[in-house]
Amino acid sequence: MAQSIASWSGTTTPGENLVETFRQQELALNPNSYLLHTNMIVRKIAFKAEEGITVKINGRDIELFSGIFETGYNQTYITSIVFDDAVEVQAYYIF
């Protein structure tokens, strides 16, 4: 499967899966993307958000002690990132 690097910056929608937001952004930029036929899987991500908040990643609560979160490539496959509140986020990711 093709792999791409991308970025996203904005305010999250409470309860909405940010990975789906990433997918919709990619489809808007590349209407012929393979993502037309499948869900997005994030293979690496680094993001910055408000220090001390909690985010659900693949259904697990992760506290952002420093406000920064990063994984290694293929360390885990991320299918959901959900914030309970509207939060400013800057993210870089590979899918």
C-alpha atoms as a PDB file:
ATOM      1  CA  MET A   1       0.000   0.000   0.000  1.00  0.00           C
ATOM      2  CA  ALA A   2       1.216   3.508  -0.784  1.00  0.00           C
ATOM      3  CA  GLN A   3       2.616   5.587   2.048  1.00  0.00           C
ATOM      4  CA  SER A   4       2.484   9.334   2.363  1.00  0.00           C
ATOM      5  CA  ILE A   5       3.501  12.016   4.813  1.00  0.00           C
ATOM      6  CA  ALA A   6       1.097  14.801   5.700  1.00  0.00           C
ATOM      7  CA  SER A   7       0.353  17.456   8.259  1.00  0.00           C
ATOM      8  CA  TRP A   8      -2.729  18.963   9.854  1.00  0.00           C
ATOM      9  CA  SER A   9      -3.216  21.981  12.061  1.00  0.00           C
ATOM     10  CA  GLY A  10      -6.469  23.143  13.552  1.00  0.00           C
ATOM     11  CA  THR A  11      -9.016  22.825  16.312  1.00  0.00           C
ATOM     12  CA  THR A  12     -10.375  19.378  17.038  1.00  0.00           C
ATOM     13  CA  THR A  13     -14.083  18.662  17.156  1.00  0.00           C
ATOM     14  CA  PRO A  14     -14.945  17.066  20.523  1.00  0.00           C
ATOM     15  CA  GLY A  15     -15.671  13.348  20.174  1.00  0.00           C
ATOM     16  CA  GLU A  16     -14.700  13.222  16.484  1.00  0.00           C
ATOM     17  CA  ASN A  17     -12.036  10.818  15.231  1.00  0.00           C
ATOM     18  CA  LEU A  18      -9.113  12.960  14.079  1.00  0.00           C
ATOM     19  CA  VAL A  19      -7.870  10.130  11.833  1.00  0.00           C
ATOM     20  CA  GLU A  20     -11.070  10.503   9.793  1.00  0.00           C
ATOM     21  CA  THR A  21     -10.367  14.250   9.552  1.00  0.00           C
ATOM     22  CA  PHE A  22      -6.906  13.383   8.194  1.00  0.00           C
ATOM     23  CA  ARG A  23      -8.510  10.968   5.696  1.00  0.00           C
ATOM     24  CA  GLN A  24     -10.983  13.582   4.460  1.00  0.00           C
ATOM     25  CA  GLN A  25      -8.145  16.091   4.053  1.00  0.00           C
ATOM     26  CA  GLU A  26      -6.196  13.588   1.924  1.00  0.00           C
ATOM     27  CA  LEU A  27      -9.236  12.825  -0.222  1.00  0.00           C
ATOM     28  CA  ALA A  28      -9.785  16.553  -0.826  1.00  0.00           C
ATOM     29  CA  LEU A  29      -6.156  16.911  -1.938  1.00  0.00           C
ATOM     30  CA  ASN A  30      -6.028  13.657  -3.894  1.00  0.00           C
ATOM     31  CA  PRO A  31      -9.466  12.528  -5.151  1.00  0.00           C
ATOM     32  CA  ASN A  32      -7.936   9.342  -6.639  1.00  0.00           C
ATOM     33  CA  SER A  33      -6.347   8.264  -3.353  1.00  0.00           C
ATOM     34  CA  TYR A  34      -6.537   4.613  -2.338  1.00  0.00           C
ATOM     35  CA  LEU A  35      -8.350   5.972   0.737  1.00  0.00           C
ATOM     36  CA  LEU A  36     -11.506   6.089  -1.375  1.00  0.00           C
ATOM     37  CA  HIS A  37     -11.757   2.351  -0.748  1.00  0.00           C
ATOM     38  CA  THR A  38     -10.382   1.913   2.755  1.00  0.00           C
ATOM     39  CA  ASN A  39      -9.947   3.494   6.168  1.00  0.00           C
ATOM     40  CA  MET A  40      -6.775   5.369   7.033  1.00  0.00           C
ATOM     41  CA  ILE A  41      -4.188   3.771   9.297  1.00  0.00           C
ATOM     42  CA  VAL A  42      -1.634   6.165  10.761  1.00  0.00           C
ATOM     43  CA  ARG A  43       1.753   4.413  10.996  1.00  0.00           C
ATOM     44  CA  LYS A  44       3.690   7.276  12.622  1.00  0.00           C
ATOM     45  CA  ILE A  45       2.535  10.501  14.223  1.00  0.00           C
ATOM     46  CA  ALA A  46       3.909  13.442  16.137  1.00  0.00           C
ATOM     47  CA  PHE A  47       1.566  16.077  17.475  1.00  0.00           C
ATOM     48  CA  LYS A  48       1.460  18.976  19.872  1.00  0.00           C
ATOM     49  CA  ALA A  49      -1.573  19.941  21.899  1.00  0.00           C
ATOM     50  CA  GLU A  50      -2.346  21.551  25.233  1.00  0.00           C
ATOM     51  CA  GLU A  51      -0.142  20.297  28.057  1.00  0.00           C
ATOM     52  CA  GLY A  52      -1.857  18.052  30.603  1.00  0.00           C
ATOM     53  CA  ILE A  53      -4.932  17.072  28.585  1.00  0.00           C
ATOM     54  CA  THR A  54      -6.015  13.513  27.885  1.00  0.00           C
ATOM     55  CA  VAL A  55      -6.579  12.098  24.412  1.00  0.00           C
ATOM     56  CA  LYS A  56      -7.998   8.692  23.457  1.00  0.00           C
ATOM     57  CA  ILE A  57      -5.718   6.870  21.010  1.00  0.00           C
ATOM     58  CA  ASN A  58      -7.150   3.566  19.762  1.00  0.00           C
ATOM     59  CA  GLY A  59      -9.599   3.774  22.663  1.00  0.00           C
ATOM     60  CA  ARG A  60      -6.965   4.195  25.392  1.00  0.00           C
ATOM     61  CA  ASP A  61      -6.579   7.328  27.493  1.00  0.00           C
ATOM     62  CA  ILE A  62      -3.162   8.951  27.046  1.00  0.00           C
ATOM     63  CA  GLU A  63      -2.275  11.969  29.170  1.00  0.00           C
ATOM     64  CA  LEU A  64      -0.137  14.540  27.362  1.00  0.00           C
ATOM     65  CA  PHE A  65       2.131  15.471  30.258  1.00  0.00           C
ATOM     66  CA  SER A  66       4.320  17.676  28.080  1.00  0.00           C
ATOM     67  CA  GLY A  67       1.719  18.420  25.391  1.00  0.00           C
ATOM     68  CA  ILE A  68       3.709  16.388  22.847  1.00  0.00           C
ATOM     69  CA  PHE A  69       3.026  12.866  21.594  1.00  0.00           C
ATOM     70  CA  GLU A  70       5.103  10.881  19.116  1.00  0.00           C
ATOM     71  CA  THR A  71       5.353   7.279  17.936  1.00  0.00           C
ATOM     72  CA  GLY A  72       8.015   5.500  15.945  1.00  0.00           C
ATOM     73  CA  TYR A  73       7.256   4.273  12.423  1.00  0.00           C
ATOM     74  CA  ASN A  74       5.162   1.073  12.546  1.00  0.00           C
ATOM     75  CA  GLN A  75       5.382   1.091  16.354  1.00  0.00           C
ATOM     76  CA  THR A  76       1.600   0.911  16.444  1.00  0.00           C
ATOM     77  CA  TYR A  77      -1.188   1.311  13.898  1.00  0.00           C
ATOM     78  CA  ILE A  78      -3.419   4.197  14.904  1.00  0.00           C
ATOM     79  CA  THR A  79      -7.023   4.120  13.725  1.00  0.00           C
ATOM     80  CA  SER A  80      -8.529   6.635  16.134  1.00  0.00           C
ATOM     81  CA  ILE A  81      -7.483   9.801  17.930  1.00  0.00           C
ATOM     82  CA  VAL A  82     -10.302  11.428  19.881  1.00  0.00           C
ATOM     83  CA  PHE A  83     -10.213  14.542  22.050  1.00  0.00           C
ATOM     84  CA  ASP A  84     -13.066  15.207  24.494  1.00  0.00           C
ATOM     85  CA  ASP A  85     -12.693  18.970  24.087  1.00  0.00           C
ATOM     86  CA  ALA A  86     -11.952  21.411  21.293  1.00  0.00           C
ATOM     87  CA  VAL A  87      -8.152  21.601  21.321  1.00  0.00           C
ATOM     88  CA  GLU A  88      -5.597  23.280  19.062  1.00  0.00           C
ATOM     89  CA  VAL A  89      -3.426  20.564  17.497  1.00  0.00           C
ATOM     90  CA  GLN A  90      -0.479  20.589  15.123  1.00  0.00           C
ATOM     91  CA  ALA A  91       0.317  17.153  13.688  1.00  0.00           C
ATOM     92  CA  TYR A  92       2.664  15.433  11.257  1.00  0.00           C
ATOM     93  CA  TYR A  93       1.937  11.836  10.308  1.00  0.00           C
ATOM     94  CA  ILE A  94       2.705   8.996   7.913  1.00  0.00           C
ATOM     95  CA  PHE A  95      -0.078   6.772   6.657  1.00  0.00           C
END
